[in-house]
Amino acid sequence: MKPAIHDRGRGPEIVGSRITVFDVLAETRAGRSVEILAKEWKLSVEQLEFALKYIDEHREQVERDWEEIQAHNEILREESETKYEWIRANCKPANPELWEKFQRFKAARAANESTSSRRESSGSNGPHPKSSGGG
């Protein structure tokens, strides 16, 4: 199948999948390789590279939509935390050691996201190594 992008209402997707260009953008910015993503998503490297090309060719719109998605997700997260804060405040974790490990993980992830968002520059998807063989 020749790589293509279409929009069925959820944003630009790789044809034959439910993977959006925003999924590709997020994962490549996080440092995930095209080869690993292709394996996980059962797509070809060529399809993912086509999505990266689409992102580059439609940079302004993709970035604008991505920012809107992130803002919307942040609102939902804040609403959820507010709505369910009483549960967190009134419940004891079943496994305190695991709970502490989870809290450390969340703090490290937040610190990493904060650091990586400051390093991102507009117009760059981050590293996305080219395929070493045929796609």
N, C-alpha and C. Protein backbone atom coordinates (compact mmCIF):
# COMPACT_ATOMS: atom_id res chain seq x y z
N MET A 1 0.84 -1.18 0.00
CA MET A 1 0.00 0.00 0.00
C MET A 1 0.89 1.24 0.00
N LYS A 2 0.60 2.14 -0.92
CA LYS A 2 1.35 3.40 -0.99
C LYS A 2 0.94 4.27 0.20
N PRO A 3 1.92 4.84 0.91
CA PRO A 3 1.59 5.67 2.07
C PRO A 3 0.71 6.86 1.69
N ALA A 4 -0.24 7.16 2.56
CA ALA A 4 -1.12 8.30 2.36
C ALA A 4 -1.65 8.76 3.71
N ILE A 5 -2.12 9.99 3.74
CA ILE A 5 -2.72 10.59 4.93
C ILE A 5 -4.13 11.00 4.57
N HIS A 6 -5.07 10.73 5.48
CA HIS A 6 -6.45 11.22 5.29
C HIS A 6 -7.00 11.66 6.64
N ASP A 7 -8.11 12.37 6.60
CA ASP A 7 -8.74 12.86 7.83
C ASP A 7 -10.17 12.37 7.86
N ARG A 8 -10.45 11.49 8.84
CA ARG A 8 -11.81 10.97 9.01
C ARG A 8 -12.50 11.63 10.19
N GLY A 9 -12.00 12.79 10.59
CA GLY A 9 -12.63 13.53 11.68
C GLY A 9 -11.84 13.58 12.96
N ARG A 10 -10.79 12.77 13.08
CA ARG A 10 -9.95 12.78 14.29
C ARG A 10 -8.63 13.48 14.06
N GLY A 11 -8.47 14.07 12.89
CA GLY A 11 -7.20 14.66 12.52
C GLY A 11 -6.55 13.80 11.46
N PRO A 12 -5.47 14.29 10.87
CA PRO A 12 -4.79 13.55 9.81
C PRO A 12 -4.25 12.21 10.32
N GLU A 13 -4.66 11.14 9.65
CA GLU A 13 -4.26 9.77 10.03
C GLU A 13 -3.52 9.10 8.88
N ILE A 14 -2.68 8.15 9.24
CA ILE A 14 -2.04 7.30 8.25
C ILE A 14 -3.11 6.36 7.71
N VAL A 15 -3.31 6.35 6.40
CA VAL A 15 -4.33 5.50 5.78
C VAL A 15 -4.06 4.05 6.16
N GLY A 16 -5.14 3.34 6.53
CA GLY A 16 -5.03 1.94 6.92
C GLY A 16 -4.78 1.76 8.40
N SER A 17 -4.82 2.86 9.15
CA SER A 17 -4.57 2.79 10.59
C SER A 17 -5.41 3.84 11.29
N ARG A 18 -5.30 3.86 12.61
CA ARG A 18 -5.92 4.93 13.40
C ARG A 18 -4.83 5.80 14.03
N ILE A 19 -3.62 5.72 13.47
CA ILE A 19 -2.49 6.50 13.97
C ILE A 19 -2.52 7.87 13.33
N THR A 20 -2.60 8.91 14.17
CA THR A 20 -2.63 10.28 13.65
C THR A 20 -1.20 10.82 13.53
N VAL A 21 -1.08 11.91 12.79
CA VAL A 21 0.22 12.56 12.69
C VAL A 21 0.64 13.10 14.06
N PHE A 22 -0.34 13.35 14.93
CA PHE A 22 -0.03 13.84 16.28
C PHE A 22 0.62 12.72 17.11
N ASP A 23 0.17 11.47 16.89
CA ASP A 23 0.81 10.33 17.55
C ASP A 23 2.26 10.22 17.11
N VAL A 24 2.48 10.34 15.81
CA VAL A 24 3.83 10.26 15.25
C VAL A 24 4.69 11.40 15.80
N LEU A 25 4.13 12.59 15.81
CA LEU A 25 4.85 13.76 16.31
C LEU A 25 5.27 13.56 17.77
N ALA A 26 4.34 13.15 18.60
CA ALA A 26 4.63 12.96 20.02
C ALA A 26 5.71 11.91 20.25
N GLU A 27 5.57 10.78 19.57
CA GLU A 27 6.51 9.69 19.80
C GLU A 27 7.90 9.98 19.26
N THR A 28 7.99 10.63 18.10
CA THR A 28 9.32 10.95 17.57
C THR A 28 9.98 12.05 18.39
N ARG A 29 9.19 12.99 18.89
CA ARG A 29 9.76 14.02 19.77
C ARG A 29 10.26 13.41 21.07
N ALA A 30 9.63 12.33 21.48
CA ALA A 30 10.06 11.65 22.71
C ALA A 30 11.29 10.78 22.46
N GLY A 31 11.75 10.75 21.20
CA GLY A 31 12.97 10.01 20.90
C GLY A 31 12.77 8.59 20.40
N ARG A 32 11.52 8.20 20.17
CA ARG A 32 11.25 6.85 19.67
C ARG A 32 11.63 6.75 18.20
N SER A 33 12.24 5.68 17.80
CA SER A 33 12.67 5.53 16.41
C SER A 33 11.52 5.09 15.53
N VAL A 34 11.63 5.44 14.27
CA VAL A 34 10.62 5.07 13.27
C VAL A 34 10.50 3.55 13.20
N GLU A 35 11.63 2.86 13.27
CA GLU A 35 11.61 1.40 13.18
C GLU A 35 10.84 0.77 14.33
N ILE A 36 11.05 1.26 15.54
CA ILE A 36 10.34 0.73 16.71
C ILE A 36 8.85 1.02 16.59
N LEU A 37 8.51 2.24 16.21
CA LEU A 37 7.09 2.61 16.07
C LEU A 37 6.42 1.77 14.99
N ALA A 38 7.12 1.55 13.90
CA ALA A 38 6.55 0.73 12.82
C ALA A 38 6.22 -0.67 13.33
N LYS A 39 7.11 -1.24 14.11
CA LYS A 39 6.88 -2.58 14.67
C LYS A 39 5.68 -2.57 15.62
N GLU A 40 5.67 -1.61 16.54
CA GLU A 40 4.61 -1.53 17.54
C GLU A 40 3.24 -1.27 16.91
N TRP A 41 3.22 -0.40 15.91
CA TRP A 41 1.95 0.00 15.30
C TRP A 41 1.59 -0.84 14.08
N LYS A 42 2.46 -1.81 13.75
CA LYS A 42 2.23 -2.68 12.59
C LYS A 42 2.04 -1.87 11.30
N LEU A 43 2.95 -0.92 11.12
CA LEU A 43 3.00 -0.07 9.93
C LEU A 43 4.37 -0.23 9.30
N SER A 44 4.52 0.28 8.10
CA SER A 44 5.84 0.25 7.47
C SER A 44 6.61 1.52 7.85
N VAL A 45 7.92 1.42 7.79
CA VAL A 45 8.76 2.59 8.03
C VAL A 45 8.39 3.67 7.01
N GLU A 46 8.11 3.24 5.79
CA GLU A 46 7.73 4.18 4.73
C GLU A 46 6.48 4.98 5.12
N GLN A 47 5.49 4.32 5.73
CA GLN A 47 4.27 5.03 6.15
C GLN A 47 4.59 6.08 7.20
N LEU A 48 5.46 5.74 8.14
CA LEU A 48 5.81 6.69 9.20
C LEU A 48 6.64 7.83 8.65
N GLU A 49 7.55 7.54 7.76
CA GLU A 49 8.33 8.62 7.15
C GLU A 49 7.44 9.53 6.31
N PHE A 50 6.40 8.96 5.69
CA PHE A 50 5.45 9.77 4.94
C PHE A 50 4.71 10.71 5.91
N ALA A 51 4.34 10.20 7.09
CA ALA A 51 3.68 11.03 8.10
C ALA A 51 4.60 12.16 8.55
N LEU A 52 5.88 11.86 8.74
CA LEU A 52 6.84 12.90 9.13
C LEU A 52 6.98 13.95 8.03
N LYS A 53 6.94 13.51 6.79
CA LYS A 53 6.99 14.45 5.66
C LYS A 53 5.74 15.33 5.67
N TYR A 54 4.59 14.72 5.94
CA TYR A 54 3.33 15.47 6.03
C TYR A 54 3.44 16.54 7.12
N ILE A 55 3.97 16.15 8.27
CA ILE A 55 4.14 17.08 9.38
C ILE A 55 5.01 18.26 8.95
N ASP A 56 6.13 17.96 8.29
CA ASP A 56 7.03 19.03 7.84
C ASP A 56 6.35 19.95 6.82
N GLU A 57 5.57 19.38 5.92
CA GLU A 57 4.92 20.17 4.87
C GLU A 57 3.73 20.99 5.39
N HIS A 58 3.16 20.58 6.52
CA HIS A 58 2.00 21.27 7.10
C HIS A 58 2.32 21.75 8.52
N ARG A 59 3.56 22.16 8.72
CA ARG A 59 4.08 22.46 10.05
C ARG A 59 3.20 23.41 10.86
N GLU A 60 2.81 24.55 10.28
CA GLU A 60 2.03 25.53 11.05
C GLU A 60 0.72 24.96 11.55
N GLN A 61 -0.03 24.30 10.67
CA GLN A 61 -1.33 23.75 11.05
C GLN A 61 -1.18 22.61 12.07
N VAL A 62 -0.22 21.74 11.83
CA VAL A 62 0.00 20.61 12.75
C VAL A 62 0.38 21.14 14.13
N GLU A 63 1.29 22.10 14.18
CA GLU A 63 1.71 22.66 15.48
C GLU A 63 0.54 23.35 16.18
N ARG A 64 -0.25 24.10 15.43
CA ARG A 64 -1.41 24.79 16.01
C ARG A 64 -2.42 23.78 16.57
N ASP A 65 -2.72 22.75 15.78
CA ASP A 65 -3.65 21.71 16.24
C ASP A 65 -3.09 20.95 17.44
N TRP A 66 -1.79 20.67 17.41
CA TRP A 66 -1.14 19.95 18.51
C TRP A 66 -1.25 20.75 19.80
N GLU A 67 -1.02 22.06 19.73
CA GLU A 67 -1.14 22.90 20.91
C GLU A 67 -2.57 22.89 21.46
N GLU A 68 -3.56 22.93 20.57
CA GLU A 68 -4.96 22.87 20.99
C GLU A 68 -5.26 21.55 21.68
N ILE A 69 -4.77 20.46 21.13
CA ILE A 69 -4.98 19.14 21.73
C ILE A 69 -4.35 19.09 23.12
N GLN A 70 -3.11 19.58 23.24
CA GLN A 70 -2.44 19.57 24.54
C GLN A 70 -3.18 20.43 25.57
N ALA A 71 -3.67 21.59 25.15
CA ALA A 71 -4.42 22.46 26.06
C ALA A 71 -5.71 21.79 26.51
N HIS A 72 -6.40 21.15 25.57
CA HIS A 72 -7.65 20.45 25.89
C HIS A 72 -7.37 19.30 26.87
N ASN A 73 -6.32 18.53 26.62
CA ASN A 73 -5.98 17.42 27.52
C ASN A 73 -5.61 17.92 28.91
N GLU A 74 -4.95 19.06 28.98
CA GLU A 74 -4.59 19.63 30.28
C GLU A 74 -5.85 20.04 31.06
N ILE A 75 -6.81 20.62 30.37
CA ILE A 75 -8.08 20.99 31.02
C ILE A 75 -8.78 19.75 31.55
N LEU A 76 -8.84 18.69 30.74
CA LEU A 76 -9.48 17.44 31.18
C LEU A 76 -8.76 16.84 32.38
N ARG A 77 -7.42 16.89 32.36
CA ARG A 77 -6.65 16.34 33.48
C ARG A 77 -6.94 17.13 34.76
N GLU A 78 -6.95 18.46 34.65
CA GLU A 78 -7.21 19.29 35.82
C GLU A 78 -8.62 19.05 36.36
N GLU A 79 -9.60 18.96 35.45
CA GLU A 79 -10.98 18.69 35.88
C GLU A 79 -11.08 17.35 36.59
N SER A 80 -10.41 16.35 36.05
CA SER A 80 -10.43 15.02 36.65
C SER A 80 -9.78 15.03 38.03
N GLU A 81 -8.64 15.68 38.14
CA GLU A 81 -7.95 15.74 39.43
C GLU A 81 -8.81 16.47 40.46
N THR A 82 -9.46 17.54 40.05
CA THR A 82 -10.33 18.29 40.96
C THR A 82 -11.52 17.43 41.38
N LYS A 83 -12.13 16.79 40.42
CA LYS A 83 -13.32 15.98 40.68
C LYS A 83 -13.02 14.81 41.63
N TYR A 84 -11.85 14.21 41.48
CA TYR A 84 -11.56 13.00 42.25
C TYR A 84 -10.52 13.21 43.35
N GLU A 85 -10.20 14.46 43.66
CA GLU A 85 -9.22 14.75 44.69
C GLU A 85 -9.63 14.16 46.04
N TRP A 86 -10.93 14.18 46.35
CA TRP A 86 -11.40 13.66 47.64
C TRP A 86 -11.08 12.18 47.77
N ILE A 87 -11.07 11.45 46.68
CA ILE A 87 -10.72 10.02 46.74
C ILE A 87 -9.26 9.88 47.14
N ARG A 88 -8.41 10.64 46.44
CA ARG A 88 -6.98 10.56 46.73
C ARG A 88 -6.69 11.01 48.15
N ALA A 89 -7.40 12.03 48.62
CA ALA A 89 -7.15 12.55 49.96
C ALA A 89 -7.65 11.63 51.06
N ASN A 90 -8.67 10.82 50.77
CA ASN A 90 -9.30 10.01 51.81
C ASN A 90 -9.01 8.52 51.73
N CYS A 91 -8.24 8.11 50.78
CA CYS A 91 -7.94 6.69 50.63
C CYS A 91 -6.47 6.43 50.91
N LYS A 92 -6.23 5.32 51.56
CA LYS A 92 -4.86 4.90 51.79
C LYS A 92 -4.49 3.92 50.68
N PRO A 93 -3.29 4.03 50.15
CA PRO A 93 -2.89 3.08 49.12
C PRO A 93 -2.76 1.68 49.69
N ALA A 94 -3.15 0.69 48.92
CA ALA A 94 -3.07 -0.71 49.36
C ALA A 94 -1.62 -1.13 49.52
N ASN A 95 -0.74 -0.57 48.72
CA ASN A 95 0.68 -0.91 48.78
C ASN A 95 1.47 0.40 48.84
N PRO A 96 1.78 0.87 50.05
CA PRO A 96 2.46 2.16 50.21
C PRO A 96 3.80 2.25 49.48
N GLU A 97 4.55 1.15 49.43
CA GLU A 97 5.84 1.18 48.74
C GLU A 97 5.65 1.40 47.25
N LEU A 98 4.67 0.71 46.66
CA LEU A 98 4.38 0.87 45.25
C LEU A 98 3.85 2.27 44.96
N TRP A 99 3.04 2.80 45.89
CA TRP A 99 2.51 4.15 45.74
C TRP A 99 3.64 5.17 45.71
N GLU A 100 4.60 5.03 46.61
CA GLU A 100 5.74 5.95 46.64
C GLU A 100 6.56 5.86 45.36
N LYS A 101 6.75 4.64 44.86
CA LYS A 101 7.48 4.44 43.61
C LYS A 101 6.74 5.14 42.47
N PHE A 102 5.43 5.02 42.44
CA PHE A 102 4.62 5.65 41.41
C PHE A 102 4.74 7.17 41.50
N GLN A 103 4.71 7.72 42.71
CA GLN A 103 4.83 9.17 42.89
C GLN A 103 6.18 9.67 42.41
N ARG A 104 7.26 8.91 42.69
CA ARG A 104 8.59 9.30 42.20
C ARG A 104 8.64 9.25 40.68
N PHE A 105 8.01 8.23 40.09
CA PHE A 105 7.96 8.11 38.64
C PHE A 105 7.24 9.30 38.02
N LYS A 106 6.08 9.68 38.59
CA LYS A 106 5.33 10.82 38.08
C LYS A 106 6.14 12.11 38.16
N ALA A 107 6.84 12.30 39.26
CA ALA A 107 7.65 13.51 39.42
C ALA A 107 8.79 13.54 38.41
N ALA A 108 9.43 12.40 38.20
CA ALA A 108 10.53 12.33 37.24
C ALA A 108 10.03 12.57 35.82
N ARG A 109 8.87 12.00 35.50
CA ARG A 109 8.30 12.19 34.16
C ARG A 109 7.94 13.66 33.94
N ALA A 110 7.35 14.29 34.94
CA ALA A 110 6.98 15.71 34.82
C ALA A 110 8.24 16.56 34.63
N ALA A 111 9.29 16.25 35.36
CA ALA A 111 10.54 17.00 35.22
C ALA A 111 11.14 16.79 33.84
N ASN A 112 11.07 15.55 33.34
CA ASN A 112 11.61 15.24 32.02
C ASN A 112 10.81 15.94 30.93
N GLU A 113 9.48 15.95 31.05
CA GLU A 113 8.63 16.62 30.07
C GLU A 113 8.90 18.12 30.07
N SER A 114 9.10 18.68 31.24
CA SER A 114 9.39 20.11 31.35
C SER A 114 10.71 20.43 30.67
N THR A 115 11.72 19.60 30.90
CA THR A 115 13.03 19.80 30.29
C THR A 115 12.96 19.63 28.78
N SER A 116 12.28 18.57 28.31
CA SER A 116 12.24 18.32 26.87
C SER A 116 11.41 19.35 26.15
N SER A 117 10.36 19.90 26.77
CA SER A 117 9.56 20.91 26.09
C SER A 117 10.35 22.20 25.92
N ARG A 118 11.28 22.48 26.83
CA ARG A 118 12.12 23.66 26.69
C ARG A 118 13.16 23.48 25.60
N ARG A 119 13.56 22.23 25.35
CA ARG A 119 14.58 21.97 24.32
C ARG A 119 13.99 21.91 22.93
N GLU A 120 12.68 21.65 22.79
CA GLU A 120 12.07 21.53 21.47
C GLU A 120 12.10 22.87 20.77
N SER A 121 12.39 22.80 19.49
CA SER A 121 12.35 24.03 18.71
C SER A 121 11.30 23.86 17.63
N SER A 122 10.61 24.93 17.31
CA SER A 122 9.60 24.89 16.28
C SER A 122 10.25 24.50 14.97
N GLY A 123 9.60 23.61 14.23
CA GLY A 123 10.12 23.17 12.95
C GLY A 123 10.96 21.92 13.04
N SER A 124 10.98 21.28 14.20
CA SER A 124 11.77 20.06 14.35
C SER A 124 10.91 18.99 14.98
N ASN A 125 10.94 17.83 14.40
CA ASN A 125 10.23 16.69 14.98
C ASN A 125 11.09 15.97 15.99
N GLY A 126 12.31 16.39 16.12
CA GLY A 126 13.22 15.66 16.96
C GLY A 126 13.86 14.55 16.15
N PRO A 127 14.64 13.69 16.79
CA PRO A 127 15.34 12.66 16.04
C PRO A 127 14.36 11.62 15.49
N HIS A 128 14.57 11.27 14.25
CA HIS A 128 13.82 10.16 13.68
C HIS A 128 14.71 9.52 12.61
N PRO A 129 15.48 8.52 13.07
CA PRO A 129 16.46 7.91 12.18
C PRO A 129 15.80 7.30 10.95
N LYS A 130 16.47 7.41 9.85
CA LYS A 130 15.99 6.82 8.61
C LYS A 130 16.15 5.30 8.67
N SER A 131 15.37 4.62 7.89
CA SER A 131 15.44 3.17 7.83
C SER A 131 16.80 2.75 7.27
N SER A 132 17.37 1.70 7.86
CA SER A 132 18.65 1.22 7.38
C SER A 132 18.49 0.29 6.19
N GLY A 133 17.27 -0.22 6.00
CA GLY A 133 17.02 -1.11 4.87
C GLY A 133 15.80 -0.65 4.13
N GLY A 134 15.26 -1.49 3.28
CA GLY A 134 14.05 -1.15 2.54
C GLY A 134 12.85 -1.11 3.46
N GLY A 135 11.79 -0.35 3.12
CA GLY A 135 10.66 -0.16 4.01
C GLY A 135 9.60 -1.05 3.68
